[in-house]
Protein backbone atom coordinates (compact mmCIF):
# COMPACT_ATOMS: atom_id res chain seq x y z
CA MET A 1 51.68 30.48 0.53
CA SER A 2 48.77 28.37 -0.77
CA LYS A 3 45.87 27.29 1.43
CA LYS A 4 45.11 23.62 1.97
CA VAL A 5 41.66 22.20 1.30
CA ILE A 6 40.96 19.66 4.04
CA SER A 7 37.84 17.51 4.36
CA ILE A 8 36.90 15.94 7.70
CA THR A 9 35.25 13.11 5.71
CA ASP A 10 34.79 12.53 2.00
CA ASP A 11 31.90 14.97 1.81
CA THR A 12 31.91 17.00 5.05
CA TRP A 13 33.93 20.15 5.70
CA LYS A 14 34.42 22.26 8.83
CA THR A 15 35.05 25.83 9.88
CA GLY A 16 38.45 27.10 8.73
CA ALA A 17 38.84 24.80 5.69
CA VAL A 18 38.94 26.37 2.23
CA VAL A 19 35.80 25.98 0.11
CA ALA A 20 36.77 23.81 -2.87
CA GLU A 21 33.56 24.16 -4.89
CA THR A 22 31.06 27.00 -5.21
CA GLY A 23 27.65 25.76 -4.18
CA LEU A 24 24.82 25.38 -1.72
CA TYR A 25 26.00 23.79 1.55
CA GLU A 26 23.96 22.21 4.34
CA VAL A 27 24.97 23.46 7.81
CA PHE A 28 25.42 21.27 10.93
CA HIS A 29 26.11 22.71 14.39
CA SER A 30 25.12 21.15 17.72
CA ALA A 31 25.49 24.21 19.96
CA HIS A 32 23.37 26.88 18.23
CA GLU A 33 20.59 27.28 15.70
CA LEU A 34 22.20 28.45 12.45
CA PRO A 35 20.84 28.83 8.92
CA GLU A 36 20.05 25.37 7.47
CA GLN A 37 21.87 26.11 4.20
CA VAL A 38 24.32 28.71 2.89
CA THR A 39 25.81 29.49 -0.50
CA LEU A 40 29.61 29.65 -0.45
CA ALA A 41 32.17 30.48 -3.15
CA ALA A 42 35.28 28.46 -3.96
CA GLY A 43 38.44 29.91 -2.46
CA HIS A 44 36.72 31.35 0.60
CA VAL A 45 37.00 29.85 4.09
CA PHE A 46 34.10 27.93 5.66
CA PRO A 47 32.57 30.35 8.21
CA LYS A 48 32.31 30.04 11.99
CA CYS A 49 29.39 30.39 14.37
CA GLU A 50 29.02 33.96 15.60
CA ALA A 51 28.12 32.78 19.13
CA CYS A 52 30.88 30.28 19.90
CA ASP A 53 34.21 28.78 18.83
CA GLU A 54 32.91 25.24 18.22
CA PRO A 55 33.42 24.20 14.60
CA VAL A 56 30.51 24.19 12.17
CA ALA A 57 30.23 21.31 9.68
CA PHE A 58 29.15 21.72 6.05
CA ARG A 59 28.04 19.27 3.34
CA LEU A 60 27.77 20.23 -0.33
CA ARG A 61 24.16 19.83 -1.51
CA LYS A 62 24.23 21.51 -4.92
CA ARG A 63 27.15 22.67 -7.06
CA LEU A 64 26.88 25.97 -8.87
CA GLU A 65 28.41 25.13 -12.24
CA ARG A 66 28.48 28.65 -13.61
CA GLN A 67 28.57 31.79 -11.58
CA PRO A 68 27.96 35.29 -12.95
CA PRO A 69 31.05 37.54 -13.14
CA SER A 70 29.61 39.83 -10.44
CA PHE A 71 28.84 36.90 -8.09
CA ARG A 72 30.59 37.48 -4.77
CA ILE A 73 29.98 36.15 -1.26
CA ASP A 74 31.94 37.22 1.79
CA LEU A 75 30.53 35.18 4.69
CA TYR A 76 32.82 35.21 7.72
CA GLN A 77 30.43 33.94 10.37
CA LEU A 78 26.94 32.46 10.54
CA PRO A 79 24.25 34.25 12.56
CA ALA A 80 23.09 32.24 15.56
CA SER A 81 19.41 32.56 16.43
CA GLY A 82 19.83 30.93 19.83
CA LYS A 83 21.05 27.86 21.68
CA LYS A 84 19.70 24.50 20.62
CA SER A 85 17.38 22.80 23.08
CA ASP A 86 18.50 19.53 24.67
CA ALA A 87 14.93 18.24 24.40
CA ALA A 88 14.09 16.71 21.05
């Protein structure tokens, strides 16, 4: 059974969708502080937050056109460094 690649907008993806393009992705999550950017490989699933079940959003910032044969990333969840403050 093939996996579907589903975008929540034209250029934003969320936890659980399949990564369509290998590249550097910006990370958006309102509940916890997560890494600002992650590198993800095509065919993998966009990772979740390790601290909660709220979806994480991703936006492709830079495509990786060529990847070395030994290039492999298995990122299942993003490390949370703490809750985000309500004060801005």
